[in-house]
Protein backbone atom coordinates (compact mmCIF):
# COMPACT_ATOMS: atom_id res chain seq x y z
CA MET A 1 48.18 24.78 -106.62
CA GLU A 2 44.85 25.81 -105.08
CA ALA A 3 43.58 22.26 -105.55
CA LEU A 4 46.66 20.93 -103.77
CA ALA A 5 46.15 23.37 -100.91
CA TRP A 6 42.52 22.25 -100.66
CA LEU A 7 43.57 18.59 -100.62
CA SER A 8 45.62 19.13 -97.48
CA THR A 9 42.48 20.37 -95.69
CA THR A 10 40.31 17.36 -96.51
CA PRO A 11 39.07 15.26 -93.59
CA ALA A 12 41.43 12.38 -94.39
CA ALA A 13 44.47 14.62 -94.36
CA ALA A 14 43.60 17.22 -91.78
CA ALA A 15 41.50 15.33 -89.29
CA ALA A 16 42.93 11.87 -89.46
CA LEU A 17 46.51 11.78 -90.69
CA LYS A 18 47.72 15.14 -89.38
CA ALA A 19 45.96 14.78 -86.06
CA SER A 20 47.05 11.25 -85.26
CA GLY A 21 50.62 10.12 -85.41
CA THR A 22 49.42 6.57 -84.87
CA PHE A 23 47.04 6.67 -87.83
CA TYR A 24 49.75 8.19 -90.02
CA LEU A 25 52.10 5.41 -88.90
CA LEU A 26 49.53 2.74 -89.79
CA VAL A 27 48.83 4.21 -93.23
CA ASN A 28 52.57 4.54 -93.87
CA ALA A 29 53.13 0.91 -92.79
CA ALA A 30 50.28 -0.22 -95.06
CA HIS A 31 51.94 1.68 -97.93
CA ILE A 32 55.23 -0.10 -97.29
CA LEU A 33 53.49 -3.48 -97.08
CA ALA A 34 51.72 -2.77 -100.38
CA ILE A 35 55.07 -1.94 -101.98
CA GLY A 36 56.36 -5.23 -100.60
CA LEU A 37 53.50 -7.04 -102.34
CA ILE A 38 54.34 -5.36 -105.63
CA VAL A 39 58.07 -6.05 -105.48
CA GLY A 40 57.64 -9.50 -103.98
CA ALA A 41 55.37 -10.51 -106.84
CA ILE A 42 56.81 -8.60 -109.80
CA LEU A 43 60.50 -9.38 -109.33
CA PRO A 44 60.23 -13.19 -109.36
CA LEU A 45 57.69 -13.05 -112.19
CA ASP A 46 59.90 -10.77 -114.28
CA LEU A 47 62.96 -12.91 -113.55
CA ARG A 48 61.03 -15.97 -114.73
CA LEU A 49 59.86 -14.20 -117.90
CA ILE A 50 63.36 -12.90 -118.65
CA GLY A 51 64.74 -16.40 -118.29
CA VAL A 52 66.91 -15.93 -115.21
CA LEU A 53 64.63 -18.39 -113.43
CA ARG A 54 63.79 -21.47 -115.51
CA THR A 55 61.21 -23.00 -113.17
CA PRO A 56 58.42 -23.19 -112.17
CA PRO A 57 56.24 -22.94 -115.29
CA VAL A 58 54.73 -19.50 -115.85
CA ALA A 59 51.26 -21.05 -115.76
CA THR A 60 51.96 -22.16 -112.19
CA ILE A 61 53.14 -18.84 -110.77
CA GLY A 62 52.10 -16.21 -113.30
CA PRO A 63 48.42 -15.72 -112.52
CA LEU A 64 48.98 -15.62 -108.74
CA LEU A 65 51.94 -13.23 -108.92
CA SER A 66 50.23 -11.00 -111.45
CA ARG A 67 47.10 -10.68 -109.28
CA THR A 68 49.19 -10.17 -106.16
CA ALA A 69 51.09 -7.35 -107.84
CA GLY A 70 47.79 -5.79 -108.95
CA ILE A 71 46.46 -5.87 -105.39
CA GLY A 72 49.73 -4.34 -104.20
CA VAL A 73 49.50 -1.53 -106.77
CA ALA A 74 45.90 -0.77 -105.79
CA ALA A 75 46.76 -0.71 -102.09
CA ALA A 76 49.92 1.36 -102.66
CA VAL A 77 48.01 3.92 -104.73
CA ALA A 78 45.23 4.18 -102.13
CA THR A 79 47.61 4.59 -99.19
CA GLY A 80 49.93 6.78 -101.26
CA LEU A 81 47.09 9.19 -102.01
CA CYS A 82 46.37 9.43 -98.29
CA LEU A 83 50.02 10.15 -97.53
CA PHE A 84 50.21 12.63 -100.42
CA SER A 85 47.23 14.54 -99.00
CA VAL A 86 49.22 15.51 -95.90
CA ARG A 87 51.74 17.67 -97.85
CA PRO A 88 50.54 17.77 -101.47
CA GLN A 89 52.25 21.01 -102.45
CA GLU A 90 55.64 19.81 -101.23
CA TYR A 91 55.31 16.46 -102.97
CA ALA A 92 54.10 18.04 -106.22
CA GLU A 93 57.34 20.05 -106.33
CA ASN A 94 59.62 17.15 -105.42
CA PRO A 95 61.42 15.71 -108.49
CA ALA A 96 61.82 12.33 -106.83
CA PHE A 97 58.08 12.12 -106.17
CA LEU A 98 57.33 13.10 -109.76
CA ALA A 99 59.77 10.45 -111.00
CA LYS A 100 58.11 7.86 -108.75
CA VAL A 101 54.65 8.68 -110.08
CA ALA A 102 55.87 8.57 -113.69
CA LEU A 103 57.57 5.21 -113.13
CA ILE A 104 54.46 3.75 -111.49
CA ALA A 105 52.34 4.95 -114.42
CA LEU A 106 54.82 3.37 -116.85
CA GLY A 107 54.84 0.10 -114.88
CA VAL A 108 51.06 -0.10 -114.84
CA LEU A 109 50.84 0.81 -118.54
CA ASN A 110 53.41 -1.87 -119.38
CA ALA A 111 51.34 -4.50 -117.53
CA VAL A 112 48.09 -3.34 -119.15
CA VAL A 113 49.66 -3.55 -122.62
CA LEU A 114 51.04 -7.02 -121.89
CA HIS A 115 47.61 -8.27 -120.86
CA ALA A 116 45.60 -6.34 -123.47
CA ARG A 117 47.47 -7.57 -126.52
CA GLY A 118 47.05 -11.21 -125.54
CA ALA A 119 50.73 -12.00 -125.08
CA TRP A 120 50.22 -12.88 -121.43
CA ARG A 121 47.62 -15.52 -122.27
CA GLY A 122 49.97 -17.03 -124.85
CA VAL A 123 52.81 -17.28 -122.33
CA ILE A 124 50.51 -18.91 -119.77
CA GLU A 125 49.24 -21.45 -122.31
CA THR A 126 52.58 -22.38 -123.89
CA ASP A 127 55.20 -21.53 -121.24
CA SER A 128 57.11 -19.99 -124.14
CA VAL A 129 58.20 -16.38 -123.66
CA PRO A 130 58.56 -14.43 -126.90
CA PRO A 131 61.26 -11.73 -127.19
CA LEU A 132 58.77 -8.85 -126.86
CA VAL A 133 57.44 -10.26 -123.58
CA ARG A 134 61.02 -10.70 -122.34
CA ALA A 135 61.65 -7.05 -123.20
CA GLN A 136 58.50 -6.00 -121.35
CA ALA A 137 59.60 -8.04 -118.33
CA LEU A 138 63.01 -6.39 -118.39
CA LEU A 139 61.34 -2.97 -118.62
CA SER A 140 59.04 -3.93 -115.74
CA LEU A 141 61.98 -5.00 -113.60
CA ALA A 142 63.79 -1.71 -114.20
CA VAL A 143 60.67 0.43 -113.76
CA TRP A 144 59.53 -1.08 -110.44
CA ILE A 145 63.03 -1.04 -108.95
CA GLY A 146 63.31 2.57 -110.14
CA ALA A 147 59.97 3.43 -108.51
CA VAL A 148 61.17 2.03 -105.18
CA LEU A 149 64.44 3.97 -105.43
CA ALA A 150 62.61 7.17 -106.36
CA GLY A 151 60.26 6.63 -103.41
CA ARG A 152 63.21 6.40 -101.04
CA TRP A 153 64.81 9.43 -102.70
CA ILE A 154 61.80 11.62 -101.84
CA ALA A 155 62.92 12.03 -98.23
CA PHE A 156 66.38 13.23 -99.27
CA ILE A 157 65.33 16.10 -101.54
């Protein structure tokens, strides 16, 4: 808890975000836009991998949507850390925040596993989605929607 207390006194938290409502607003808006990138890229990609969407070919949309989601995750984590630094002790005790962080970690791990075991490359090359990749896409869909819901839930706990 001492580390969390220290975090709230760092220059980013204390000087910038706490002192300027406008800067806090801009960081918060950037966080929301980053989440939009994640959801806007992951949902159509997962729907295509699951088979709900039959076109376009995965090779056409997959690489772009996958990279877009990765950029969104990086931006959301960066802005999320800034927002977290304003009230770290409160967030660390909030079950919705903890659920959100766990879901994000699971979503990222799921994507890393998909790419690391070579299944992604096979789907791109053949446009054939094996059952395990479909299952990972279904998990991804549930995890990222859950992370968004948990993020909204934070304010109500």
